[in-house]
Amino acid sequence: MFRTPLTLFRTLAIAEAVSWTLLIAGLIVRAATGWAPAVTIGGGIHGFVFLSYGATVILVALNNRWKAGPTIGALISAIVPYATIPAEILLHKRGLLVGQWRLEADAASPDGRWYDRPLAWFLARPWALFGLIALLVVALFAVLLLVGPPGGSKG
């Protein structure tokens, strides 16, 4: 399904934009009708997709050997509504989303990194990688739910 870093990144960039729409729609519904669960639903979905997008940025950045600037820029784009789509377009134009998954560690490669071996192992086993990322995202999401919403809860 996600045969290249581009397809995965593009999918999550679009999903993040859609999740912003759900959150904004929830805010509008709450303002118009007073139905607070609309924000809880939209905000929960947005929060989960936001964390998933962040994990995707890190995975693609490691695989494609991004420097700190593009990685931080892609992460920050999730904070601004709908900015992940222009960020994806810009990264694609700059050639940072081109290429395949690094399924094998190449010790002789001049751009080799310390994490190449475990990254290649997980990339060669997408279900294990998906499970690990899902576990980390769910754990972080649960911790954030326990901490509470941004700005604290009203009540």
C-alpha atoms as a PDB file:
ATOM      1  CA  MET A   1       0.000   0.000   0.000  1.00  0.00           C
ATOM      2  CA  PHE A   2       2.713   2.462   0.985  1.00  0.00           C
ATOM      3  CA  ARG A   3       5.389   1.230  -1.357  1.00  0.00           C
ATOM      4  CA  THR A   4       7.371   4.460  -1.195  1.00  0.00           C
ATOM      5  CA  PRO A   5       8.015   7.176   1.386  1.00  0.00           C
ATOM      6  CA  LEU A   6       6.108   9.576  -0.894  1.00  0.00           C
ATOM      7  CA  THR A   7       2.853   7.590  -0.775  1.00  0.00           C
ATOM      8  CA  LEU A   8       2.945   7.259   3.007  1.00  0.00           C
ATOM      9  CA  PHE A   9       3.865  10.897   3.580  1.00  0.00           C
ATOM     10  CA  ARG A  10       1.257  12.191   1.127  1.00  0.00           C
ATOM     11  CA  THR A  11      -1.472  10.041   2.698  1.00  0.00           C
ATOM     12  CA  LEU A  12      -0.734  11.293   6.210  1.00  0.00           C
ATOM     13  CA  ALA A  13      -0.391  14.912   5.044  1.00  0.00           C
ATOM     14  CA  ILE A  14      -3.866  14.731   3.537  1.00  0.00           C
ATOM     15  CA  ALA A  15      -5.254  12.882   6.569  1.00  0.00           C
ATOM     16  CA  GLU A  16      -3.871  15.618   8.828  1.00  0.00           C
ATOM     17  CA  ALA A  17      -5.635  18.280   6.752  1.00  0.00           C
ATOM     18  CA  VAL A  18      -8.894  16.303   6.893  1.00  0.00           C
ATOM     19  CA  SER A  19      -8.529  15.949  10.661  1.00  0.00           C
ATOM     20  CA  TRP A  20      -8.182  19.738  10.929  1.00  0.00           C
ATOM     21  CA  THR A  21     -11.506  19.989   9.109  1.00  0.00           C
ATOM     22  CA  LEU A  22     -13.105  17.636  11.641  1.00  0.00           C
ATOM     23  CA  LEU A  23     -11.723  19.649  14.550  1.00  0.00           C
ATOM     24  CA  ILE A  24     -12.844  22.986  13.075  1.00  0.00           C
ATOM     25  CA  ALA A  25     -16.275  21.522  12.254  1.00  0.00           C
ATOM     26  CA  GLY A  26     -16.525  20.322  15.851  1.00  0.00           C
ATOM     27  CA  LEU A  27     -15.714  23.813  17.109  1.00  0.00           C
ATOM     28  CA  ILE A  28     -18.382  25.300  14.832  1.00  0.00           C
ATOM     29  CA  VAL A  29     -20.971  22.745  15.944  1.00  0.00           C
ATOM     30  CA  ARG A  30     -20.173  23.465  19.598  1.00  0.00           C
ATOM     31  CA  ALA A  31     -20.420  27.226  19.046  1.00  0.00           C
ATOM     32  CA  ALA A  32     -23.682  26.940  17.105  1.00  0.00           C
ATOM     33  CA  THR A  33     -25.460  24.287  19.137  1.00  0.00           C
ATOM     34  CA  GLY A  34     -23.560  24.001  22.399  1.00  0.00           C
ATOM     35  CA  TRP A  35     -22.952  20.291  21.767  1.00  0.00           C
ATOM     36  CA  ALA A  36     -19.489  19.877  23.350  1.00  0.00           C
ATOM     37  CA  PRO A  37     -18.910  16.234  22.275  1.00  0.00           C
ATOM     38  CA  ALA A  38     -18.434  17.508  18.714  1.00  0.00           C
ATOM     39  CA  VAL A  39     -15.087  18.984  19.775  1.00  0.00           C
ATOM     40  CA  THR A  40     -14.192  15.868  21.751  1.00  0.00           C
ATOM     41  CA  ILE A  41     -14.790  13.681  18.705  1.00  0.00           C
ATOM     42  CA  GLY A  42     -13.102  15.975  16.168  1.00  0.00           C
ATOM     43  CA  GLY A  43     -10.290  16.786  18.579  1.00  0.00           C
ATOM     44  CA  GLY A  44      -9.645  13.133  19.393  1.00  0.00           C
ATOM     45  CA  ILE A  45      -9.424  12.165  15.744  1.00  0.00           C
ATOM     46  CA  HIS A  46      -7.248  15.180  14.993  1.00  0.00           C
ATOM     47  CA  GLY A  47      -4.931  14.408  17.912  1.00  0.00           C
ATOM     48  CA  PHE A  48      -4.423  10.817  16.824  1.00  0.00           C
ATOM     49  CA  VAL A  49      -3.778  11.765  13.193  1.00  0.00           C
ATOM     50  CA  PHE A  50      -1.482  14.604  14.335  1.00  0.00           C
ATOM     51  CA  LEU A  51       0.686  12.120  16.259  1.00  0.00           C
ATOM     52  CA  SER A  52       0.608   9.660  13.355  1.00  0.00           C
ATOM     53  CA  TYR A  53       1.728  12.395  10.964  1.00  0.00           C
ATOM     54  CA  GLY A  54       4.589  13.267  13.319  1.00  0.00           C
ATOM     55  CA  ALA A  55       5.683   9.628  13.414  1.00  0.00           C
ATOM     56  CA  THR A  56       5.510   9.514   9.620  1.00  0.00           C
ATOM     57  CA  VAL A  57       7.656  12.647   9.300  1.00  0.00           C
ATOM     58  CA  ILE A  58      10.318  11.100  11.533  1.00  0.00           C
ATOM     59  CA  LEU A  59      10.223   7.761   9.693  1.00  0.00           C
ATOM     60  CA  VAL A  60      10.512   9.369   6.250  1.00  0.00           C
ATOM     61  CA  ALA A  61      13.170  11.817   7.473  1.00  0.00           C
ATOM     62  CA  LEU A  62      15.306   8.943   8.767  1.00  0.00           C
ATOM     63  CA  ASN A  63      14.790   6.861   5.636  1.00  0.00           C
ATOM     64  CA  ASN A  64      15.435   9.715   3.190  1.00  0.00           C
ATOM     65  CA  ARG A  65      18.302  11.262   5.171  1.00  0.00           C
ATOM     66  CA  TRP A  66      16.690  14.655   5.716  1.00  0.00           C
ATOM     67  CA  LYS A  67      18.589  17.320   7.551  1.00  0.00           C
ATOM     68  CA  ALA A  68      17.095  19.000  10.622  1.00  0.00           C
ATOM     69  CA  GLY A  69      15.530  21.937   8.709  1.00  0.00           C
ATOM     70  CA  PRO A  70      13.103  19.997   6.496  1.00  0.00           C
ATOM     71  CA  THR A  71      12.268  17.625   9.348  1.00  0.00           C
ATOM     72  CA  ILE A  72      11.424  20.441  11.764  1.00  0.00           C
ATOM     73  CA  GLY A  73       9.539  22.302   9.029  1.00  0.00           C
ATOM     74  CA  ALA A  74       7.419  19.244   8.238  1.00  0.00           C
ATOM     75  CA  LEU A  75       6.679  18.712  11.932  1.00  0.00           C
ATOM     76  CA  ILE A  76       5.732  22.374  12.429  1.00  0.00           C
ATOM     77  CA  SER A  77       3.434  22.236   9.396  1.00  0.00           C
ATOM     78  CA  ALA A  78       1.063  20.030  11.402  1.00  0.00           C
ATOM     79  CA  ILE A  79       0.489  22.844  13.889  1.00  0.00           C
ATOM     80  CA  VAL A  80      -0.883  25.213  11.245  1.00  0.00           C
ATOM     81  CA  PRO A  81      -4.260  24.171   9.811  1.00  0.00           C
ATOM     82  CA  TYR A  82      -3.921  22.637   6.346  1.00  0.00           C
ATOM     83  CA  ALA A  83      -0.186  23.393   6.113  1.00  0.00           C
ATOM     84  CA  THR A  84       0.798  19.743   5.739  1.00  0.00           C
ATOM     85  CA  ILE A  85      -0.388  19.712   2.129  1.00  0.00           C
ATOM     86  CA  PRO A  86       1.787  22.664   0.982  1.00  0.00           C
ATOM     87  CA  ALA A  87       4.629  21.177   3.042  1.00  0.00           C
ATOM     88  CA  GLU A  88       4.273  17.879   1.196  1.00  0.00           C
ATOM     89  CA  ILE A  89       4.240  19.678  -2.157  1.00  0.00           C
ATOM     90  CA  LEU A  90       7.361  21.656  -1.251  1.00  0.00           C
ATOM     91  CA  LEU A  91       9.216  18.589   0.042  1.00  0.00           C
ATOM     92  CA  HIS A  92       8.278  16.699  -3.118  1.00  0.00           C
ATOM     93  CA  LYS A  93       9.467  19.551  -5.376  1.00  0.00           C
ATOM     94  CA  ARG A  94      12.762  19.642  -3.479  1.00  0.00           C
ATOM     95  CA  GLY A  95      13.191  15.904  -4.110  1.00  0.00           C
ATOM     96  CA  LEU A  96      13.049  14.976  -0.433  1.00  0.00           C
ATOM     97  CA  LEU A  97      10.242  12.454  -0.884  1.00  0.00           C
ATOM     98  CA  VAL A  98      11.827  10.666  -3.834  1.00  0.00           C
ATOM     99  CA  GLY A  99      13.170   7.165  -3.487  1.00  0.00           C
ATOM    100  CA  GLN A 100      12.374   3.803  -2.018  1.00  0.00           C
ATOM    101  CA  TRP A 101      12.372   2.421   1.496  1.00  0.00           C
ATOM    102  CA  ARG A 102      15.841   1.375   2.672  1.00  0.00           C
ATOM    103  CA  LEU A 103      15.107  -2.300   3.224  1.00  0.00           C
ATOM    104  CA  GLU A 104      18.747  -3.263   3.658  1.00  0.00           C
ATOM    105  CA  ALA A 105      21.463  -1.609   5.688  1.00  0.00           C
ATOM    106  CA  ASP A 106      24.496  -0.767   3.561  1.00  0.00           C
ATOM    107  CA  ALA A 107      27.521  -0.495   5.829  1.00  0.00           C
ATOM    108  CA  ALA A 108      29.671   0.683   2.907  1.00  0.00           C
ATOM    109  CA  SER A 109      27.341   3.551   2.079  1.00  0.00           C
ATOM    110  CA  PRO A 110      28.981   6.977   2.544  1.00  0.00           C
ATOM    111  CA  ASP A 111      25.778   8.308   4.106  1.00  0.00           C
ATOM    112  CA  GLY A 112      25.331   5.336   6.465  1.00  0.00           C
ATOM    113  CA  ARG A 113      23.809   6.012   9.888  1.00  0.00           C
ATOM    114  CA  TRP A 114      23.875   4.160  13.205  1.00  0.00           C
ATOM    115  CA  TYR A 115      20.155   3.405  12.929  1.00  0.00           C
ATOM    116  CA  ASP A 116      20.275   1.897   9.422  1.00  0.00           C
ATOM    117  CA  ARG A 117      20.257  -1.732  10.564  1.00  0.00           C
ATOM    118  CA  PRO A 118      17.196  -1.538  12.872  1.00  0.00           C
ATOM    119  CA  LEU A 119      15.379   0.774  10.441  1.00  0.00           C
ATOM    120  CA  ALA A 120      15.975  -1.640   7.555  1.00  0.00           C
ATOM    121  CA  TRP A 121      14.825  -4.557   9.727  1.00  0.00           C
ATOM    122  CA  PHE A 122      11.534  -2.815  10.537  1.00  0.00           C
ATOM    123  CA  LEU A 123      11.026  -1.529   6.981  1.00  0.00           C
ATOM    124  CA  ALA A 124      11.446  -5.070   5.664  1.00  0.00           C
ATOM    125  CA  ARG A 125       8.700  -6.126   8.113  1.00  0.00           C
ATOM    126  CA  PRO A 126       5.993  -3.489   7.633  1.00  0.00           C
ATOM    127  CA  TRP A 127       3.542  -5.137  10.043  1.00  0.00           C
ATOM    128  CA  ALA A 128       6.122  -5.047  12.837  1.00  0.00           C
ATOM    129  CA  LEU A 129       6.898  -1.410  11.993  1.00  0.00           C
ATOM    130  CA  PHE A 130       3.202  -0.517  11.881  1.00  0.00           C
ATOM    131  CA  GLY A 131       2.649  -2.290  15.200  1.00  0.00           C
ATOM    132  CA  LEU A 132       5.546  -0.465  16.863  1.00  0.00           C
ATOM    133  CA  ILE A 133       4.469   2.943  15.557  1.00  0.00           C
ATOM    134  CA  ALA A 134       0.820   2.268  16.454  1.00  0.00           C
ATOM    135  CA  LEU A 135       1.849   1.197  19.956  1.00  0.00           C
ATOM    136  CA  LEU A 136       3.946   4.343  20.433  1.00  0.00           C
ATOM    137  CA  VAL A 137       1.244   6.643  19.038  1.00  0.00           C
ATOM    138  CA  VAL A 138      -1.486   5.014  21.152  1.00  0.00           C
ATOM    139  CA  ALA A 139       0.690   5.212  24.279  1.00  0.00           C
ATOM    140  CA  LEU A 140       1.486   8.881  23.698  1.00  0.00           C
ATOM    141  CA  PHE A 141      -2.162   9.591  22.858  1.00  0.00           C
ATOM    142  CA  ALA A 142      -3.269   7.911  26.104  1.00  0.00           C
ATOM    143  CA  VAL A 143      -0.773   9.928  28.146  1.00  0.00           C
ATOM    144  CA  LEU A 144      -1.954  13.143  26.507  1.00  0.00           C
ATOM    145  CA  LEU A 145      -5.589  12.226  27.208  1.00  0.00           C
ATOM    146  CA  LEU A 146      -4.691  11.720  30.867  1.00  0.00           C
ATOM    147  CA  VAL A 147      -2.906  15.066  30.975  1.00  0.00           C
ATOM    148  CA  GLY A 148      -5.970  16.764  29.514  1.00  0.00           C
ATOM    149  CA  PRO A 149      -6.786  19.099  26.650  1.00  0.00           C
ATOM    150  CA  PRO A 150      -4.592  22.049  25.710  1.00  0.00           C
ATOM    151  CA  GLY A 151      -5.356  24.992  27.968  1.00  0.00           C
ATOM    152  CA  GLY A 152      -6.888  22.709  30.606  1.00  0.00           C
ATOM    153  CA  SER A 153     -10.494  21.713  30.995  1.00  0.00           C
ATOM    154  CA  LYS A 154     -13.263  24.128  31.854  1.00  0.00           C
ATOM    155  CA  GLY A 155     -15.355  23.234  34.748  1.00  0.00           C
END
